[in-house]
Amino acid sequence: MVPYVRIVDAADGGTRFVDAAEPLSDAEFAPPAPPLGVSDHVPANGVSFIGAPAGWDSPPHPAPRRQWVVMLRGAVEATTSDGESRVFGPGVAVLVEDTAGAGHRTRVVSTEPWLAMVVVLA
C-alpha cells in the first residue's frame, strides 16, 4: 500500500484532510525486469514543478484543478478550513481535490526552499 493524503471539499463548503492508500499488485512493469508492485494507471494531463522560498505563506485558496503534489525538498504546512494543519516533507504525496469552496492555506515551514512536482489529473 502507498499511503497519501487527500485535501477534499467538505459538504459544508469547507475543506478537510482524508488519509488514503493506493494498493500495489505484482505486475510486469519494465520487462525483462522482474515483476514489482504497481498501482492502477491514472490518466494525467501534464507535469510541472513548483517551489517557494522559506517563509512563503499563502492565504486560503482552492486548488486550480485536481492534482497530485509530490514533495521533493523542504516542507510545507497545509491548513484546511476546519482548522486542522499537517506538515508535508520530501517523499509525501498529496492528492489536492478542493477545487471549490474555502480551499486551504499553504506555507513553507522549512528553513530551506520548498520544491514539489505537480501532476495534473485528466
N, C-alpha and C. Protein backbone atom coordinates (compact mmCIF):
# COMPACT_ATOMS: atom_id res chain seq x y z
N MET A 1 0.84 -1.18 0.00
CA MET A 1 0.00 0.00 0.00
C MET A 1 0.89 1.25 0.00
N VAL A 2 0.45 2.24 -0.74
CA VAL A 2 1.15 3.52 -0.78
C VAL A 2 0.25 4.54 -0.06
N PRO A 3 0.68 5.01 1.12
CA PRO A 3 -0.15 5.99 1.83
C PRO A 3 -0.04 7.37 1.19
N TYR A 4 -1.13 8.11 1.24
CA TYR A 4 -1.14 9.50 0.79
C TYR A 4 -2.25 10.24 1.50
N VAL A 5 -2.27 11.55 1.35
CA VAL A 5 -3.28 12.40 1.98
C VAL A 5 -4.07 13.08 0.89
N ARG A 6 -5.37 13.18 1.08
CA ARG A 6 -6.23 13.94 0.17
C ARG A 6 -6.67 15.21 0.89
N ILE A 7 -6.76 16.31 0.15
CA ILE A 7 -7.41 17.53 0.63
C ILE A 7 -8.68 17.65 -0.21
N VAL A 8 -9.84 17.56 0.45
CA VAL A 8 -11.11 17.48 -0.27
C VAL A 8 -12.06 18.58 0.17
N ASP A 9 -13.01 18.88 -0.72
CA ASP A 9 -14.11 19.78 -0.38
C ASP A 9 -15.04 19.04 0.58
N ALA A 10 -15.52 19.75 1.60
CA ALA A 10 -16.46 19.18 2.57
C ALA A 10 -17.88 19.63 2.22
N ALA A 11 -18.86 18.91 2.72
CA ALA A 11 -20.26 19.22 2.42
C ALA A 11 -20.66 20.62 2.88
N ASP A 12 -19.98 21.15 3.91
CA ASP A 12 -20.34 22.47 4.43
C ASP A 12 -19.67 23.62 3.66
N GLY A 13 -18.99 23.31 2.54
CA GLY A 13 -18.32 24.34 1.76
C GLY A 13 -16.88 24.57 2.17
N GLY A 14 -16.43 23.87 3.21
CA GLY A 14 -15.06 23.96 3.67
C GLY A 14 -14.19 22.87 3.07
N THR A 15 -13.07 22.62 3.72
CA THR A 15 -12.15 21.58 3.27
C THR A 15 -11.71 20.74 4.46
N ARG A 16 -11.21 19.54 4.16
CA ARG A 16 -10.70 18.66 5.21
C ARG A 16 -9.67 17.71 4.63
N PHE A 17 -8.88 17.09 5.50
CA PHE A 17 -7.92 16.07 5.10
C PHE A 17 -8.58 14.70 5.17
N VAL A 18 -8.17 13.80 4.28
CA VAL A 18 -8.60 12.40 4.31
C VAL A 18 -7.35 11.55 4.09
N ASP A 19 -7.07 10.62 5.02
CA ASP A 19 -5.96 9.69 4.82
C ASP A 19 -6.42 8.58 3.89
N ALA A 20 -5.56 8.22 2.94
CA ALA A 20 -5.91 7.21 1.95
C ALA A 20 -4.68 6.35 1.64
N ALA A 21 -4.88 5.30 0.87
CA ALA A 21 -3.78 4.44 0.46
C ALA A 21 -4.13 3.81 -0.88
N GLU A 22 -3.12 3.63 -1.70
CA GLU A 22 -3.28 3.03 -3.01
C GLU A 22 -2.64 1.64 -2.97
N PRO A 23 -3.38 0.58 -3.32
CA PRO A 23 -2.79 -0.76 -3.29
C PRO A 23 -1.83 -0.97 -4.46
N LEU A 24 -0.86 -1.83 -4.23
CA LEU A 24 0.08 -2.24 -5.28
C LEU A 24 -0.12 -3.72 -5.53
N SER A 25 -0.10 -4.11 -6.80
CA SER A 25 -0.20 -5.52 -7.17
C SER A 25 1.04 -5.89 -7.97
N ASP A 26 1.56 -7.08 -7.75
CA ASP A 26 2.72 -7.52 -8.52
C ASP A 26 2.35 -7.61 -10.00
N ALA A 27 3.17 -6.97 -10.82
CA ALA A 27 2.92 -6.96 -12.26
C ALA A 27 4.23 -6.66 -12.99
N GLU A 28 4.27 -7.05 -14.26
CA GLU A 28 5.40 -6.68 -15.09
C GLU A 28 5.28 -5.21 -15.42
N PHE A 29 6.33 -4.46 -15.19
CA PHE A 29 6.32 -3.03 -15.42
C PHE A 29 7.32 -2.63 -16.49
N ALA A 30 8.50 -3.23 -16.45
CA ALA A 30 9.57 -2.89 -17.39
C ALA A 30 10.35 -4.16 -17.75
N PRO A 31 9.71 -5.11 -18.48
CA PRO A 31 10.41 -6.33 -18.85
C PRO A 31 11.73 -6.00 -19.58
N PRO A 32 12.77 -6.74 -19.37
CA PRO A 32 12.80 -8.04 -18.68
C PRO A 32 13.01 -7.96 -17.17
N ALA A 33 12.87 -6.80 -16.56
CA ALA A 33 12.97 -6.72 -15.11
C ALA A 33 11.88 -7.59 -14.48
N PRO A 34 12.14 -8.15 -13.32
CA PRO A 34 11.12 -8.99 -12.68
C PRO A 34 9.91 -8.15 -12.25
N PRO A 35 8.77 -8.80 -12.05
CA PRO A 35 7.57 -8.09 -11.60
C PRO A 35 7.84 -7.33 -10.32
N LEU A 36 7.09 -6.23 -10.13
CA LEU A 36 7.17 -5.43 -8.92
C LEU A 36 5.80 -4.87 -8.62
N GLY A 37 5.66 -4.22 -7.48
CA GLY A 37 4.38 -3.65 -7.09
C GLY A 37 4.01 -2.47 -7.98
N VAL A 38 2.81 -2.51 -8.55
CA VAL A 38 2.34 -1.49 -9.48
C VAL A 38 0.91 -1.11 -9.10
N SER A 39 0.62 0.18 -9.09
CA SER A 39 -0.76 0.64 -8.83
C SER A 39 -1.54 0.71 -10.13
N ASP A 40 -2.82 0.97 -10.02
CA ASP A 40 -3.63 1.21 -11.21
C ASP A 40 -3.13 2.47 -11.91
N HIS A 41 -3.29 2.51 -13.23
CA HIS A 41 -2.88 3.67 -14.03
C HIS A 41 -3.91 4.78 -13.86
N VAL A 42 -3.43 6.01 -13.69
CA VAL A 42 -4.30 7.18 -13.58
C VAL A 42 -3.93 8.15 -14.69
N PRO A 43 -4.84 8.48 -15.60
CA PRO A 43 -4.52 9.42 -16.69
C PRO A 43 -4.15 10.80 -16.15
N ALA A 44 -3.16 11.42 -16.77
CA ALA A 44 -2.71 12.75 -16.37
C ALA A 44 -2.60 13.64 -17.60
N ASN A 45 -2.69 14.96 -17.37
CA ASN A 45 -2.60 15.93 -18.47
C ASN A 45 -1.26 16.63 -18.55
N GLY A 46 -0.45 16.56 -17.51
CA GLY A 46 0.83 17.24 -17.55
C GLY A 46 1.52 17.21 -16.21
N VAL A 47 2.79 17.57 -16.25
CA VAL A 47 3.63 17.61 -15.06
C VAL A 47 4.34 18.96 -15.03
N SER A 48 4.42 19.56 -13.85
CA SER A 48 5.21 20.78 -13.68
C SER A 48 5.83 20.74 -12.30
N PHE A 49 6.71 21.68 -12.05
CA PHE A 49 7.36 21.80 -10.76
C PHE A 49 6.98 23.16 -10.17
N ILE A 50 6.80 23.20 -8.85
CA ILE A 50 6.51 24.45 -8.16
C ILE A 50 7.47 24.57 -6.98
N GLY A 51 7.74 25.79 -6.60
CA GLY A 51 8.63 26.00 -5.46
C GLY A 51 8.41 27.36 -4.85
N ALA A 52 8.85 27.51 -3.62
CA ALA A 52 8.70 28.77 -2.90
C ALA A 52 9.81 28.86 -1.86
N PRO A 53 10.21 30.09 -1.52
CA PRO A 53 11.27 30.27 -0.53
C PRO A 53 10.79 30.00 0.89
N ALA A 54 11.74 29.80 1.79
CA ALA A 54 11.41 29.65 3.21
C ALA A 54 10.59 30.86 3.66
N GLY A 55 9.54 30.59 4.44
CA GLY A 55 8.70 31.67 4.94
C GLY A 55 7.53 32.04 4.04
N TRP A 56 7.49 31.53 2.81
CA TRP A 56 6.38 31.84 1.88
C TRP A 56 5.08 31.42 2.55
N ASP A 57 4.02 32.22 2.38
CA ASP A 57 2.75 31.98 3.05
C ASP A 57 1.63 32.41 2.12
N SER A 58 0.64 31.57 1.92
CA SER A 58 -0.49 31.92 1.06
C SER A 58 -1.75 32.08 1.88
N PRO A 59 -2.66 32.94 1.43
CA PRO A 59 -3.99 32.97 2.06
C PRO A 59 -4.75 31.71 1.62
N PRO A 60 -5.85 31.40 2.30
CA PRO A 60 -6.66 30.25 1.86
C PRO A 60 -7.06 30.39 0.39
N HIS A 61 -6.96 29.25 -0.32
CA HIS A 61 -7.27 29.24 -1.75
C HIS A 61 -7.68 27.82 -2.15
N PRO A 62 -8.61 27.69 -3.09
CA PRO A 62 -8.91 26.36 -3.63
C PRO A 62 -7.82 25.96 -4.61
N ALA A 63 -7.68 24.68 -4.85
CA ALA A 63 -6.74 24.19 -5.85
C ALA A 63 -7.24 24.59 -7.24
N PRO A 64 -6.34 24.90 -8.16
CA PRO A 64 -6.77 25.30 -9.50
C PRO A 64 -7.36 24.14 -10.31
N ARG A 65 -7.04 22.91 -9.88
CA ARG A 65 -7.51 21.70 -10.56
C ARG A 65 -7.17 20.50 -9.69
N ARG A 66 -7.74 19.32 -9.98
CA ARG A 66 -7.34 18.10 -9.27
C ARG A 66 -5.90 17.79 -9.66
N GLN A 67 -5.05 17.58 -8.67
CA GLN A 67 -3.64 17.36 -8.97
C GLN A 67 -2.94 16.66 -7.81
N TRP A 68 -1.93 15.89 -8.17
CA TRP A 68 -1.02 15.33 -7.18
C TRP A 68 0.08 16.35 -6.94
N VAL A 69 0.43 16.57 -5.68
CA VAL A 69 1.59 17.38 -5.32
C VAL A 69 2.53 16.46 -4.56
N VAL A 70 3.71 16.21 -5.14
CA VAL A 70 4.70 15.31 -4.55
C VAL A 70 5.85 16.15 -4.02
N MET A 71 6.05 16.12 -2.73
CA MET A 71 7.07 16.96 -2.09
C MET A 71 8.46 16.41 -2.41
N LEU A 72 9.34 17.30 -2.86
CA LEU A 72 10.70 16.91 -3.22
C LEU A 72 11.75 17.46 -2.26
N ARG A 73 11.58 18.69 -1.80
CA ARG A 73 12.56 19.33 -0.92
C ARG A 73 11.84 20.33 -0.02
N GLY A 74 12.35 20.51 1.20
CA GLY A 74 11.72 21.43 2.12
C GLY A 74 10.44 20.84 2.69
N ALA A 75 9.68 21.68 3.37
CA ALA A 75 8.42 21.24 3.97
C ALA A 75 7.40 22.35 3.95
N VAL A 76 6.15 21.97 3.75
CA VAL A 76 5.04 22.91 3.81
C VAL A 76 4.04 22.45 4.85
N GLU A 77 3.35 23.43 5.41
CA GLU A 77 2.23 23.15 6.30
C GLU A 77 0.97 23.55 5.55
N ALA A 78 0.03 22.62 5.45
CA ALA A 78 -1.27 22.92 4.85
C ALA A 78 -2.31 22.93 5.96
N THR A 79 -3.22 23.89 5.89
CA THR A 79 -4.29 24.01 6.88
C THR A 79 -5.62 24.05 6.15
N THR A 80 -6.51 23.15 6.51
CA THR A 80 -7.83 23.12 5.90
C THR A 80 -8.77 24.06 6.66
N SER A 81 -9.94 24.30 6.09
CA SER A 81 -10.86 25.27 6.70
C SER A 81 -11.41 24.81 8.04
N ASP A 82 -11.32 23.51 8.35
CA ASP A 82 -11.77 23.04 9.66
C ASP A 82 -10.72 23.26 10.74
N GLY A 83 -9.57 23.88 10.36
CA GLY A 83 -8.54 24.24 11.32
C GLY A 83 -7.43 23.21 11.49
N GLU A 84 -7.57 22.04 10.88
CA GLU A 84 -6.52 21.03 11.00
C GLU A 84 -5.32 21.42 10.14
N SER A 85 -4.12 21.24 10.68
CA SER A 85 -2.88 21.51 9.95
C SER A 85 -2.03 20.24 9.90
N ARG A 86 -1.35 20.06 8.78
CA ARG A 86 -0.41 18.95 8.63
C ARG A 86 0.82 19.47 7.90
N VAL A 87 1.97 18.91 8.27
CA VAL A 87 3.23 19.26 7.63
C VAL A 87 3.62 18.14 6.68
N PHE A 88 4.00 18.51 5.46
CA PHE A 88 4.39 17.54 4.43
C PHE A 88 5.82 17.82 3.98
N GLY A 89 6.67 16.79 4.08
CA GLY A 89 8.07 16.92 3.68
C GLY A 89 8.39 16.01 2.50
N PRO A 90 9.67 15.91 2.17
CA PRO A 90 10.10 15.13 1.00
C PRO A 90 9.56 13.70 1.00
N GLY A 91 9.08 13.28 -0.15
CA GLY A 91 8.56 11.94 -0.32
C GLY A 91 7.07 11.79 -0.08
N VAL A 92 6.42 12.82 0.42
CA VAL A 92 4.98 12.75 0.71
C VAL A 92 4.20 13.17 -0.53
N ALA A 93 3.15 12.41 -0.85
CA ALA A 93 2.26 12.73 -1.97
C ALA A 93 0.92 13.17 -1.41
N VAL A 94 0.41 14.29 -1.94
CA VAL A 94 -0.88 14.82 -1.52
C VAL A 94 -1.76 14.96 -2.77
N LEU A 95 -2.94 14.35 -2.73
CA LEU A 95 -3.91 14.48 -3.80
C LEU A 95 -4.80 15.66 -3.45
N VAL A 96 -4.63 16.77 -4.16
CA VAL A 96 -5.34 18.01 -3.87
C VAL A 96 -6.60 18.06 -4.73
N GLU A 97 -7.75 18.01 -4.06
CA GLU A 97 -9.03 17.93 -4.76
C GLU A 97 -10.01 19.02 -4.34
N ASP A 98 -9.58 19.96 -3.53
CA ASP A 98 -10.50 21.01 -3.04
C ASP A 98 -10.55 22.16 -4.05
N THR A 99 -11.25 21.93 -5.13
CA THR A 99 -11.29 22.88 -6.25
C THR A 99 -12.41 23.90 -6.15
N ALA A 100 -13.23 23.80 -5.11
CA ALA A 100 -14.33 24.75 -4.91
C ALA A 100 -14.40 25.08 -3.43
N GLY A 101 -15.02 26.15 -3.09
CA GLY A 101 -15.23 26.46 -1.69
C GLY A 101 -14.04 27.16 -1.04
N ALA A 102 -13.91 26.96 0.26
CA ALA A 102 -12.97 27.72 1.09
C ALA A 102 -11.50 27.48 0.77
N GLY A 103 -11.15 26.30 0.30
CA GLY A 103 -9.76 26.00 -0.01
C GLY A 103 -8.92 25.75 1.22
N HIS A 104 -7.61 25.81 1.05
CA HIS A 104 -6.66 25.52 2.11
C HIS A 104 -5.55 26.58 2.10
N ARG A 105 -4.90 26.73 3.22
CA ARG A 105 -3.76 27.64 3.34
C ARG A 105 -2.49 26.80 3.24
N THR A 106 -1.46 27.34 2.60
CA THR A 106 -0.18 26.65 2.49
C THR A 106 0.93 27.62 2.88
N ARG A 107 1.89 27.13 3.69
CA ARG A 107 3.05 27.95 4.00
C ARG A 107 4.28 27.07 4.11
N VAL A 108 5.43 27.62 3.69
CA VAL A 108 6.69 26.89 3.77
C VAL A 108 7.20 27.02 5.20
N VAL A 109 7.40 25.87 5.87
CA VAL A 109 7.83 25.88 7.27
C VAL A 109 9.28 25.43 7.43
N SER A 110 9.91 25.00 6.35
CA SER A 110 11.32 24.61 6.43
C SER A 110 12.21 25.84 6.29
N THR A 111 13.46 25.70 6.70
CA THR A 111 14.42 26.80 6.55
C THR A 111 14.98 26.84 5.14
N GLU A 112 14.79 25.77 4.40
CA GLU A 112 15.24 25.74 3.01
C GLU A 112 14.04 25.95 2.09
N PRO A 113 14.27 26.33 0.83
CA PRO A 113 13.15 26.49 -0.10
C PRO A 113 12.40 25.16 -0.28
N TRP A 114 11.14 25.28 -0.61
CA TRP A 114 10.27 24.12 -0.87
C TRP A 114 10.20 23.88 -2.36
N LEU A 115 10.21 22.61 -2.75
CA LEU A 115 10.10 22.21 -4.15
C LEU A 115 9.18 21.00 -4.24
N ALA A 116 8.27 21.01 -5.20
CA ALA A 116 7.35 19.90 -5.39
C ALA A 116 7.10 19.68 -6.88
N MET A 117 6.71 18.45 -7.21
CA MET A 117 6.28 18.10 -8.55
C MET A 117 4.76 18.02 -8.54
N VAL A 118 4.13 18.65 -9.52
CA VAL A 118 2.68 18.64 -9.65
C VAL A 118 2.31 17.79 -10.85
N VAL A 119 1.41 16.82 -10.66
CA VAL A 119 0.88 16.01 -11.75
C VAL A 119 -0.58 16.36 -11.89
N VAL A 120 -0.93 17.04 -12.99
CA VAL A 120 -2.31 17.47 -13.24
C VAL A 120 -3.10 16.27 -13.75
N LEU A 121 -4.20 15.97 -13.08
CA LEU A 121 -5.01 14.81 -13.45
C LEU A 121 -5.96 15.13 -14.60
N ALA A 122 -6.22 14.11 -15.39
CA ALA A 122 -7.11 14.25 -16.53
C ALA A 122 -8.55 14.33 -16.08
